[in-house]
Amino acid sequence: MNISFVSDNFYLCTGIESQLFDSHQITCKHDIDMYLQAYNPENYLVVGIENLFLRDYFIKTVKRLNVKYMILMQDIIKDHCFKIGDVVFSSLECSPHYIQKIVRYFPKPRQNVLTQRELDILDVFHLQNVKIARELDISQKTASGHRVNIQHKLRMKSKNTLAMLRIKTAISRSNGSQLHGLLTH
């Protein structure tokens, strides 16, 4: 299976190009539209777009095409991955060999990494433990434990709220799940 790598980073695109990978640099919405018109659905799509606006647009567009894809993010620990819904998430720092391994041996990584309660906590992750506890009618210690579990399960590099928001946005956009709160449409 061939792998199509799409990124807004020239150096990533240049470095990953090989016999198994074809890479495409995108810089605007028009580039995304042109790329997807010519995209071969037989290829496994790897999205390494760092610009949040472009990544969000790309995910929304690809979701309508019903294509298998993986999202690479800088906030995930190197050479780790997880799957939520039909989308695989991995580190932007992973090697081409690791991407091949995921595509070949891990086409369906374990489903539902997060429990329903953890998804509820993820939705209000930006709040303090006291407020989470009050809103979800749980203890502060339970809220804190769920936050730690979420960060561990999602293989987060950083424990800051901004990183969690980026992950939450990518999950929500790609999975189509209706996380209420910050991402309500």
N, C-alpha and C. Protein backbone atom coordinates (compact mmCIF):
# COMPACT_ATOMS: atom_id res chain seq x y z
N MET A 1 0.84 -1.18 0.00
CA MET A 1 0.00 0.00 0.00
C MET A 1 0.89 1.24 0.00
N ASN A 2 0.62 2.15 -0.91
CA ASN A 2 1.35 3.41 -0.94
C ASN A 2 0.80 4.36 0.10
N ILE A 3 1.66 5.26 0.53
CA ILE A 3 1.29 6.22 1.57
C ILE A 3 1.44 7.62 0.99
N SER A 4 0.40 8.41 1.10
CA SER A 4 0.44 9.81 0.67
C SER A 4 0.60 10.69 1.90
N PHE A 5 1.67 11.46 1.92
CA PHE A 5 1.97 12.34 3.04
C PHE A 5 1.68 13.77 2.63
N VAL A 6 0.89 14.47 3.43
CA VAL A 6 0.52 15.85 3.13
C VAL A 6 0.94 16.71 4.31
N SER A 7 1.65 17.80 4.02
CA SER A 7 2.10 18.69 5.09
C SER A 7 2.25 20.11 4.56
N ASP A 8 2.27 21.04 5.49
CA ASP A 8 2.55 22.42 5.14
C ASP A 8 4.03 22.74 5.40
N ASN A 9 4.80 21.72 5.77
CA ASN A 9 6.21 21.89 6.09
C ASN A 9 7.05 21.34 4.94
N PHE A 10 7.76 22.23 4.26
CA PHE A 10 8.58 21.86 3.11
C PHE A 10 9.60 20.79 3.47
N TYR A 11 10.25 20.94 4.62
CA TYR A 11 11.32 20.02 5.01
C TYR A 11 10.78 18.62 5.31
N LEU A 12 9.62 18.53 5.93
CA LEU A 12 9.00 17.21 6.17
C LEU A 12 8.67 16.54 4.84
N CYS A 13 8.09 17.30 3.93
CA CYS A 13 7.72 16.73 2.62
C CYS A 13 8.95 16.25 1.87
N THR A 14 9.99 17.04 1.88
CA THR A 14 11.22 16.68 1.17
C THR A 14 11.88 15.48 1.81
N GLY A 15 11.91 15.44 3.14
CA GLY A 15 12.59 14.36 3.85
C GLY A 15 11.90 13.02 3.79
N ILE A 16 10.60 13.01 3.63
CA ILE A 16 9.85 11.74 3.68
C ILE A 16 9.63 11.12 2.31
N GLU A 17 9.85 11.88 1.26
CA GLU A 17 9.62 11.37 -0.10
C GLU A 17 10.48 10.13 -0.35
N SER A 18 9.86 9.06 -0.83
CA SER A 18 10.58 7.82 -1.12
C SER A 18 9.73 6.97 -2.07
N GLN A 19 10.12 5.71 -2.21
CA GLN A 19 9.36 4.82 -3.08
C GLN A 19 7.99 4.50 -2.49
N LEU A 20 7.90 4.43 -1.17
CA LEU A 20 6.62 4.10 -0.54
C LEU A 20 5.79 5.33 -0.19
N PHE A 21 6.42 6.47 -0.10
CA PHE A 21 5.72 7.70 0.26
C PHE A 21 5.73 8.67 -0.91
N ASP A 22 4.58 9.22 -1.23
CA ASP A 22 4.59 10.38 -2.10
C ASP A 22 4.15 11.54 -1.20
N SER A 23 4.84 12.66 -1.33
CA SER A 23 4.54 13.77 -0.43
C SER A 23 4.04 14.97 -1.21
N HIS A 24 3.22 15.74 -0.53
CA HIS A 24 2.62 16.92 -1.15
C HIS A 24 2.62 18.06 -0.14
N GLN A 25 3.23 19.16 -0.54
CA GLN A 25 3.23 20.33 0.32
C GLN A 25 2.01 21.18 -0.02
N ILE A 26 1.32 21.60 1.01
CA ILE A 26 0.18 22.48 0.81
C ILE A 26 0.41 23.76 1.60
N THR A 27 -0.06 24.87 1.03
CA THR A 27 0.14 26.16 1.70
C THR A 27 -1.15 26.94 1.86
N CYS A 28 -2.23 26.46 1.23
CA CYS A 28 -3.50 27.19 1.30
C CYS A 28 -4.66 26.23 1.01
N LYS A 29 -5.87 26.72 1.20
CA LYS A 29 -7.06 25.91 0.96
C LYS A 29 -7.13 25.44 -0.49
N HIS A 30 -6.71 26.29 -1.40
CA HIS A 30 -6.72 25.92 -2.82
C HIS A 30 -5.83 24.70 -3.08
N ASP A 31 -4.64 24.68 -2.45
CA ASP A 31 -3.74 23.52 -2.58
C ASP A 31 -4.41 22.25 -2.09
N ILE A 32 -5.14 22.36 -0.99
CA ILE A 32 -5.84 21.20 -0.43
C ILE A 32 -6.89 20.70 -1.42
N ASP A 33 -7.68 21.62 -1.94
CA ASP A 33 -8.73 21.24 -2.90
C ASP A 33 -8.14 20.58 -4.14
N MET A 34 -7.06 21.15 -4.66
CA MET A 34 -6.42 20.59 -5.85
C MET A 34 -5.83 19.20 -5.55
N TYR A 35 -5.20 19.06 -4.40
CA TYR A 35 -4.61 17.78 -4.03
C TYR A 35 -5.70 16.70 -3.91
N LEU A 36 -6.78 17.01 -3.23
CA LEU A 36 -7.83 16.01 -3.00
C LEU A 36 -8.57 15.64 -4.28
N GLN A 37 -8.61 16.53 -5.26
CA GLN A 37 -9.22 16.17 -6.54
C GLN A 37 -8.41 15.09 -7.24
N ALA A 38 -7.09 15.15 -7.08
CA ALA A 38 -6.21 14.19 -7.75
C ALA A 38 -5.82 13.01 -6.85
N TYR A 39 -6.29 12.99 -5.61
CA TYR A 39 -5.90 11.97 -4.63
C TYR A 39 -6.38 10.58 -5.04
N ASN A 40 -5.50 9.60 -4.91
CA ASN A 40 -5.82 8.20 -5.20
C ASN A 40 -6.31 7.55 -3.90
N PRO A 41 -7.59 7.19 -3.81
CA PRO A 41 -8.12 6.63 -2.57
C PRO A 41 -7.53 5.27 -2.18
N GLU A 42 -6.74 4.67 -3.06
CA GLU A 42 -6.04 3.42 -2.71
C GLU A 42 -4.90 3.70 -1.74
N ASN A 43 -4.40 4.93 -1.72
CA ASN A 43 -3.29 5.29 -0.85
C ASN A 43 -3.79 5.57 0.57
N TYR A 44 -2.93 5.27 1.54
CA TYR A 44 -3.22 5.61 2.93
C TYR A 44 -2.75 7.05 3.13
N LEU A 45 -3.59 7.87 3.68
CA LEU A 45 -3.31 9.30 3.79
C LEU A 45 -2.75 9.64 5.17
N VAL A 46 -1.60 10.30 5.18
CA VAL A 46 -0.97 10.76 6.42
C VAL A 46 -0.94 12.28 6.39
N VAL A 47 -1.57 12.90 7.39
CA VAL A 47 -1.71 14.35 7.44
C VAL A 47 -0.76 14.90 8.49
N GLY A 48 0.24 15.63 8.05
CA GLY A 48 1.21 16.26 8.95
C GLY A 48 1.14 17.77 8.86
N ILE A 49 -0.05 18.31 8.86
CA ILE A 49 -0.25 19.76 8.71
C ILE A 49 -0.21 20.41 10.09
N GLU A 50 0.70 21.37 10.26
CA GLU A 50 0.85 22.02 11.56
C GLU A 50 -0.04 23.24 11.71
N ASN A 51 -0.33 23.94 10.63
CA ASN A 51 -1.18 25.12 10.68
C ASN A 51 -2.60 24.68 11.06
N LEU A 52 -3.09 25.18 12.18
CA LEU A 52 -4.39 24.72 12.70
C LEU A 52 -5.53 25.00 11.74
N PHE A 53 -5.52 26.14 11.08
CA PHE A 53 -6.58 26.49 10.13
C PHE A 53 -6.58 25.52 8.95
N LEU A 54 -5.39 25.28 8.37
CA LEU A 54 -5.30 24.36 7.23
C LEU A 54 -5.62 22.92 7.63
N ARG A 55 -5.13 22.50 8.81
CA ARG A 55 -5.40 21.14 9.26
C ARG A 55 -6.90 20.94 9.47
N ASP A 56 -7.56 21.91 10.08
CA ASP A 56 -8.99 21.82 10.33
C ASP A 56 -9.76 21.73 9.00
N TYR A 57 -9.38 22.57 8.04
CA TYR A 57 -10.04 22.54 6.73
C TYR A 57 -9.79 21.19 6.03
N PHE A 58 -8.55 20.71 6.09
CA PHE A 58 -8.21 19.44 5.46
C PHE A 58 -9.02 18.30 6.06
N ILE A 59 -9.09 18.24 7.39
CA ILE A 59 -9.82 17.17 8.07
C ILE A 59 -11.30 17.21 7.70
N LYS A 60 -11.89 18.40 7.72
CA LYS A 60 -13.31 18.52 7.36
C LYS A 60 -13.55 18.03 5.93
N THR A 61 -12.65 18.38 5.03
CA THR A 61 -12.81 18.00 3.62
C THR A 61 -12.61 16.49 3.43
N VAL A 62 -11.58 15.93 4.05
CA VAL A 62 -11.28 14.50 3.92
C VAL A 62 -12.38 13.65 4.55
N LYS A 63 -12.94 14.13 5.64
CA LYS A 63 -14.00 13.39 6.32
C LYS A 63 -15.19 13.13 5.40
N ARG A 64 -15.48 14.09 4.54
CA ARG A 64 -16.59 13.93 3.59
C ARG A 64 -16.27 12.87 2.53
N LEU A 65 -14.99 12.65 2.26
CA LEU A 65 -14.58 11.69 1.23
C LEU A 65 -14.55 10.25 1.73
N ASN A 66 -14.68 10.06 3.04
CA ASN A 66 -14.69 8.72 3.62
C ASN A 66 -13.40 7.96 3.32
N VAL A 67 -12.26 8.58 3.63
CA VAL A 67 -10.94 8.04 3.34
C VAL A 67 -10.25 7.67 4.66
N LYS A 68 -9.45 6.59 4.65
CA LYS A 68 -8.64 6.24 5.82
C LYS A 68 -7.48 7.22 5.93
N TYR A 69 -7.27 7.73 7.13
CA TYR A 69 -6.14 8.65 7.29
C TYR A 69 -5.61 8.67 8.71
N MET A 70 -4.41 9.22 8.83
CA MET A 70 -3.72 9.36 10.10
C MET A 70 -3.34 10.83 10.26
N ILE A 71 -3.46 11.34 11.47
CA ILE A 71 -3.09 12.72 11.75
C ILE A 71 -1.83 12.71 12.62
N LEU A 72 -0.81 13.42 12.16
CA LEU A 72 0.42 13.56 12.94
C LEU A 72 0.37 14.90 13.66
N MET A 73 0.67 14.88 14.96
CA MET A 73 0.61 16.10 15.76
C MET A 73 1.87 16.24 16.60
N GLN A 74 2.30 17.47 16.78
CA GLN A 74 3.52 17.73 17.54
C GLN A 74 3.34 17.48 19.04
N ASP A 75 2.12 17.38 19.52
CA ASP A 75 1.86 17.25 20.95
C ASP A 75 1.89 15.81 21.45
N ILE A 76 2.08 14.85 20.56
CA ILE A 76 2.07 13.43 20.94
C ILE A 76 3.51 12.93 21.01
N ILE A 77 3.79 12.07 21.98
CA ILE A 77 5.14 11.54 22.18
C ILE A 77 5.58 10.76 20.94
N LYS A 78 6.87 10.88 20.61
CA LYS A 78 7.43 10.25 19.42
C LYS A 78 7.17 8.74 19.41
N ASP A 79 6.81 8.24 18.23
CA ASP A 79 6.56 6.82 17.98
C ASP A 79 5.51 6.21 18.90
N HIS A 80 4.46 6.95 19.14
CA HIS A 80 3.27 6.45 19.83
C HIS A 80 2.06 6.80 18.98
N CYS A 81 1.02 6.00 19.10
CA CYS A 81 -0.20 6.31 18.37
C CYS A 81 -1.41 5.81 19.14
N PHE A 82 -2.55 6.32 18.77
CA PHE A 82 -3.82 5.85 19.31
C PHE A 82 -4.87 6.09 18.26
N LYS A 83 -6.01 5.44 18.44
CA LYS A 83 -7.08 5.58 17.47
C LYS A 83 -8.36 5.97 18.18
N ILE A 84 -9.03 6.95 17.63
CA ILE A 84 -10.34 7.34 18.12
C ILE A 84 -11.25 7.38 16.90
N GLY A 85 -12.32 6.62 16.97
CA GLY A 85 -13.18 6.48 15.80
C GLY A 85 -12.40 5.74 14.73
N ASP A 86 -12.38 6.28 13.53
CA ASP A 86 -11.66 5.66 12.43
C ASP A 86 -10.32 6.34 12.15
N VAL A 87 -9.92 7.26 13.00
CA VAL A 87 -8.73 8.06 12.74
C VAL A 87 -7.60 7.69 13.69
N VAL A 88 -6.41 7.49 13.12
CA VAL A 88 -5.21 7.20 13.90
C VAL A 88 -4.50 8.53 14.14
N PHE A 89 -4.05 8.74 15.37
CA PHE A 89 -3.28 9.92 15.75
C PHE A 89 -1.90 9.46 16.16
N SER A 90 -0.86 10.16 15.69
CA SER A 90 0.51 9.81 16.05
C SER A 90 1.35 11.08 16.13
N SER A 91 2.61 10.90 16.49
CA SER A 91 3.52 12.02 16.66
C SER A 91 4.03 12.54 15.32
N LEU A 92 4.15 13.85 15.23
CA LEU A 92 4.72 14.46 14.03
C LEU A 92 6.20 14.10 13.90
N GLU A 93 6.81 13.67 15.00
CA GLU A 93 8.23 13.32 15.01
C GLU A 93 8.48 11.84 14.71
N CYS A 94 7.43 11.09 14.38
CA CYS A 94 7.64 9.66 14.14
C CYS A 94 8.40 9.45 12.82
N SER A 95 9.09 8.35 12.77
CA SER A 95 9.92 8.05 11.59
C SER A 95 9.06 7.48 10.47
N PRO A 96 9.55 7.57 9.23
CA PRO A 96 8.84 6.93 8.12
C PRO A 96 8.63 5.43 8.36
N HIS A 97 9.62 4.79 8.99
CA HIS A 97 9.51 3.37 9.30
C HIS A 97 8.33 3.12 10.25
N TYR A 98 8.16 3.97 11.24
CA TYR A 98 7.05 3.82 12.19
C TYR A 98 5.71 4.01 11.49
N ILE A 99 5.63 4.98 10.59
CA ILE A 99 4.38 5.19 9.83
C ILE A 99 4.05 3.94 9.02
N GLN A 100 5.06 3.37 8.36
CA GLN A 100 4.85 2.13 7.59
C GLN A 100 4.35 1.01 8.50
N LYS A 101 4.93 0.93 9.68
CA LYS A 101 4.53 -0.10 10.64
C LYS A 101 3.06 0.07 11.03
N ILE A 102 2.65 1.29 11.27
CA ILE A 102 1.25 1.55 11.63
C ILE A 102 0.33 1.13 10.48
N VAL A 103 0.69 1.53 9.28
CA VAL A 103 -0.15 1.22 8.11
C VAL A 103 -0.22 -0.29 7.88
N ARG A 104 0.90 -0.97 8.03
CA ARG A 104 0.97 -2.40 7.74
C ARG A 104 0.39 -3.27 8.86
N TYR A 105 0.85 -3.04 10.08
CA TYR A 105 0.50 -3.94 11.18
C TYR A 105 -0.61 -3.41 12.08
N PHE A 106 -0.94 -2.19 11.90
CA PHE A 106 -1.82 -1.55 12.86
C PHE A 106 -2.95 -0.83 12.14
N PRO A 107 -3.56 -1.48 11.14
CA PRO A 107 -4.60 -0.76 10.40
C PRO A 107 -5.79 -0.43 11.27
N LYS A 108 -6.00 -1.23 12.32
CA LYS A 108 -7.11 -0.95 13.23
C LYS A 108 -6.59 -0.97 14.65
N PRO A 109 -5.88 0.10 15.07
CA PRO A 109 -5.42 0.14 16.46
C PRO A 109 -6.61 0.06 17.40
N ARG A 110 -6.31 -0.24 18.64
CA ARG A 110 -7.41 -0.45 19.59
C ARG A 110 -8.38 0.72 19.56
N GLN A 111 -9.62 0.36 19.59
CA GLN A 111 -10.70 1.34 19.50
C GLN A 111 -10.97 1.96 20.86
N ASN A 112 -11.65 3.08 20.84
CA ASN A 112 -12.15 3.71 22.04
C ASN A 112 -11.11 3.79 23.15
N VAL A 113 -10.03 4.48 22.87
CA VAL A 113 -8.95 4.65 23.83
C VAL A 113 -9.48 5.28 25.12
N LEU A 114 -10.39 6.22 24.99
CA LEU A 114 -10.92 6.91 26.16
C LEU A 114 -12.30 6.37 26.54
N THR A 115 -12.53 6.26 27.84
CA THR A 115 -13.85 5.86 28.31
C THR A 115 -14.82 7.03 28.12
N GLN A 116 -16.09 6.77 28.26
CA GLN A 116 -17.08 7.85 28.11
C GLN A 116 -16.84 8.94 29.15
N ARG A 117 -16.51 8.56 30.39
CA ARG A 117 -16.26 9.56 31.43
C ARG A 117 -15.03 10.40 31.08
N GLU A 118 -14.01 9.76 30.52
CA GLU A 118 -12.81 10.51 30.11
C GLU A 118 -13.13 11.45 28.96
N LEU A 119 -14.01 11.04 28.05
CA LEU A 119 -14.43 11.96 26.98
C LEU A 119 -15.19 13.15 27.58
N ASP A 120 -15.99 12.90 28.61
CA ASP A 120 -16.68 14.00 29.30
C ASP A 120 -15.67 14.96 29.93
N ILE A 121 -14.64 14.40 30.55
CA ILE A 121 -13.58 15.22 31.17
C ILE A 121 -12.81 15.98 30.09
N LEU A 122 -12.50 15.32 28.98
CA LEU A 122 -11.78 15.97 27.88
C LEU A 122 -12.53 17.20 27.40
N ASP A 123 -13.83 17.11 27.39
CA ASP A 123 -14.67 18.22 26.94
C ASP A 123 -14.50 19.45 27.82
N VAL A 124 -14.22 19.26 29.10
CA VAL A 124 -14.07 20.40 30.02
C VAL A 124 -12.66 20.44 30.61
N PHE A 125 -11.70 19.90 29.88
CA PHE A 125 -10.32 19.79 30.35
C PHE A 125 -9.72 21.15 30.71
N HIS A 126 -10.19 22.20 30.07
CA HIS A 126 -9.64 23.54 30.28
C HIS A 126 -10.01 24.10 31.65
N LEU A 127 -10.96 23.50 32.33
CA LEU A 127 -11.39 23.97 33.65
C LEU A 127 -10.49 23.41 34.75
N GLN A 128 -10.54 24.04 35.92
CA GLN A 128 -9.81 23.53 37.08
C GLN A 128 -10.54 22.31 37.61
N ASN A 129 -9.82 21.47 38.36
CA ASN A 129 -10.40 20.25 38.90
C ASN A 129 -11.66 20.52 39.73
N VAL A 130 -11.65 21.61 40.49
CA VAL A 130 -12.81 21.96 41.33
C VAL A 130 -14.05 22.16 40.46
N LYS A 131 -13.87 22.90 39.36
CA LYS A 131 -15.01 23.19 38.48
C LYS A 131 -15.44 21.95 37.71
N ILE A 132 -14.47 21.13 37.30
CA ILE A 132 -14.82 19.88 36.62
C ILE A 132 -15.64 19.00 37.56
N ALA A 133 -15.18 18.90 38.81
CA ALA A 133 -15.88 18.08 39.80
C ALA A 133 -17.31 18.57 40.01
N ARG A 134 -17.46 19.87 40.12
CA ARG A 134 -18.79 20.44 40.33
C ARG A 134 -19.69 20.19 39.11
N GLU A 135 -19.14 20.42 37.92
CA GLU A 135 -19.95 20.28 36.70
C GLU A 135 -20.36 18.84 36.42
N LEU A 136 -19.46 17.89 36.70
CA LEU A 136 -19.75 16.48 36.39
C LEU A 136 -20.19 15.68 37.62
N ASP A 137 -20.31 16.35 38.74
CA ASP A 137 -20.77 15.72 39.98
C ASP A 137 -19.87 14.54 40.38
N ILE A 138 -18.56 14.83 40.43
CA ILE A 138 -17.57 13.85 40.87
C ILE A 138 -16.65 14.55 41.85
N SER A 139 -15.77 13.80 42.51
CA SER A 139 -14.83 14.43 43.44
C SER A 139 -13.67 15.07 42.68
N GLN A 140 -13.00 16.00 43.35
CA GLN A 140 -11.83 16.66 42.74
C GLN A 140 -10.75 15.64 42.42
N LYS A 141 -10.55 14.71 43.33
CA LYS A 141 -9.51 13.70 43.15
C LYS A 141 -9.82 12.82 41.93
N THR A 142 -11.09 12.49 41.74
CA THR A 142 -11.49 11.70 40.57
C THR A 142 -11.25 12.49 39.29
N ALA A 143 -11.59 13.78 39.32
CA ALA A 143 -11.35 14.64 38.15
C ALA A 143 -9.87 14.68 37.82
N SER A 144 -9.05 14.86 38.85
CA SER A 144 -7.60 14.91 38.66
C SER A 144 -7.08 13.59 38.09
N GLY A 145 -7.57 12.48 38.62
CA GLY A 145 -7.15 11.16 38.12
C GLY A 145 -7.52 10.95 36.66
N HIS A 146 -8.73 11.37 36.29
CA HIS A 146 -9.14 11.24 34.89
C HIS A 146 -8.26 12.10 33.98
N ARG A 147 -7.91 13.30 34.43
CA ARG A 147 -7.04 14.17 33.62
C ARG A 147 -5.69 13.51 33.38
N VAL A 148 -5.12 12.93 34.41
CA VAL A 148 -3.83 12.24 34.28
C VAL A 148 -3.97 11.05 33.33
N ASN A 149 -5.05 10.28 33.46
CA ASN A 149 -5.28 9.13 32.57
C ASN A 149 -5.41 9.57 31.11
N ILE A 150 -6.12 10.66 30.88
CA ILE A 150 -6.28 11.16 29.51
C ILE A 150 -4.93 11.52 28.91
N GLN A 151 -4.12 12.25 29.67
CA GLN A 151 -2.81 12.65 29.16
C GLN A 151 -1.94 11.43 28.89
N HIS A 152 -2.04 10.43 29.74
CA HIS A 152 -1.25 9.21 29.53
C HIS A 152 -1.75 8.44 28.31
N LYS A 153 -3.05 8.24 28.20
CA LYS A 153 -3.61 7.47 27.08
C LYS A 153 -3.39 8.14 25.74
N LEU A 154 -3.41 9.47 25.71
CA LEU A 154 -3.20 10.19 24.46
C LEU A 154 -1.72 10.46 24.20
N ARG A 155 -0.86 9.93 25.05
CA ARG A 155 0.59 10.05 24.89
C ARG A 155 1.03 11.51 24.71
N MET A 156 0.51 12.37 25.54
CA MET A 156 0.80 13.79 25.43
C MET A 156 2.20 14.11 25.92
N LYS A 157 2.90 14.95 25.16
CA LYS A 157 4.22 15.43 25.58
C LYS A 157 4.07 16.44 26.70
N SER A 158 3.15 17.35 26.51
CA SER A 158 2.98 18.48 27.41
C SER A 158 1.63 18.35 28.11
N LYS A 159 1.58 18.86 29.31
CA LYS A 159 0.33 18.78 30.06
C LYS A 159 -0.41 20.11 30.04
N ASN A 160 -0.04 21.00 29.14
CA ASN A 160 -0.71 22.31 29.16
C ASN A 160 -2.05 22.28 28.45
N THR A 161 -2.87 23.24 28.79
CA THR A 161 -4.23 23.31 28.28
C THR A 161 -4.27 23.55 26.78
N LEU A 162 -3.35 24.34 26.26
CA LEU A 162 -3.33 24.62 24.82
C LEU A 162 -3.09 23.35 24.02
N ALA A 163 -2.17 22.52 24.48
CA ALA A 163 -1.91 21.25 23.80
C ALA A 163 -3.16 20.37 23.83
N MET A 164 -3.83 20.34 24.96
CA MET A 164 -5.06 19.54 25.06
C MET A 164 -6.13 20.08 24.14
N LEU A 165 -6.21 21.39 24.01
CA LEU A 165 -7.21 21.97 23.11
C LEU A 165 -6.94 21.57 21.66
N ARG A 166 -5.65 21.57 21.27
CA ARG A 166 -5.30 21.17 19.91
C ARG A 166 -5.69 19.71 19.66
N ILE A 167 -5.39 18.84 20.62
CA ILE A 167 -5.75 17.43 20.49
C ILE A 167 -7.26 17.28 20.43
N LYS A 168 -7.95 17.96 21.34
CA LYS A 168 -9.40 17.86 21.41
C LYS A 168 -10.04 18.32 20.10
N THR A 169 -9.53 19.41 19.55
CA THR A 169 -10.07 19.93 18.30
C THR A 169 -9.86 18.93 17.17
N ALA A 170 -8.65 18.38 17.08
CA ALA A 170 -8.37 17.41 16.01
C ALA A 170 -9.24 16.17 16.14
N ILE A 171 -9.41 15.69 17.37
CA ILE A 171 -10.26 14.51 17.59
C ILE A 171 -11.69 14.82 17.19
N SER A 172 -12.17 15.95 17.64
CA SER A 172 -13.55 16.31 17.37
C SER A 172 -13.80 16.48 15.88
N ARG A 173 -12.90 17.17 15.20
CA ARG A 173 -13.08 17.42 13.77
C ARG A 173 -13.01 16.13 12.97
N SER A 174 -12.08 15.26 13.33
CA SER A 174 -11.89 14.05 12.53
C SER A 174 -12.89 12.96 12.87
N ASN A 175 -13.27 12.89 14.11
CA ASN A 175 -14.14 11.81 14.54
C ASN A 175 -15.60 12.14 14.33
N GLY A 176 -15.90 13.42 14.23
CA GLY A 176 -17.29 13.81 14.07
C GLY A 176 -18.06 13.68 15.36
N SER A 177 -17.36 13.35 16.44
CA SER A 177 -18.06 13.22 17.72
C SER A 177 -18.54 14.58 18.16
N GLN A 178 -19.63 14.61 18.83
CA GLN A 178 -20.20 15.87 19.27
C GLN A 178 -19.76 16.16 20.70
N LEU A 179 -18.50 16.56 20.85
CA LEU A 179 -18.05 17.00 22.15
C LEU A 179 -18.78 18.31 22.43
N HIS A 180 -19.53 18.36 23.50
CA HIS A 180 -20.24 19.59 23.81
C HIS A 180 -19.27 20.54 24.49
N GLY A 181 -19.64 21.77 24.70
CA GLY A 181 -18.74 22.73 25.33
C GLY A 181 -18.06 23.61 24.32
N LEU A 182 -16.74 23.62 24.33
CA LEU A 182 -15.96 24.53 23.49
C LEU A 182 -16.18 24.31 22.00
N LEU A 183 -16.45 23.09 21.59
CA LEU A 183 -16.48 22.80 20.16
C LEU A 183 -17.89 22.63 19.61
N THR A 184 -18.88 23.12 20.30
CA THR A 184 -20.25 23.01 19.81
C THR A 184 -20.40 23.86 18.56
N HIS A 185 -21.09 23.32 17.57
CA HIS A 185 -21.32 24.05 16.32
C HIS A 185 -22.70 24.63 16.33
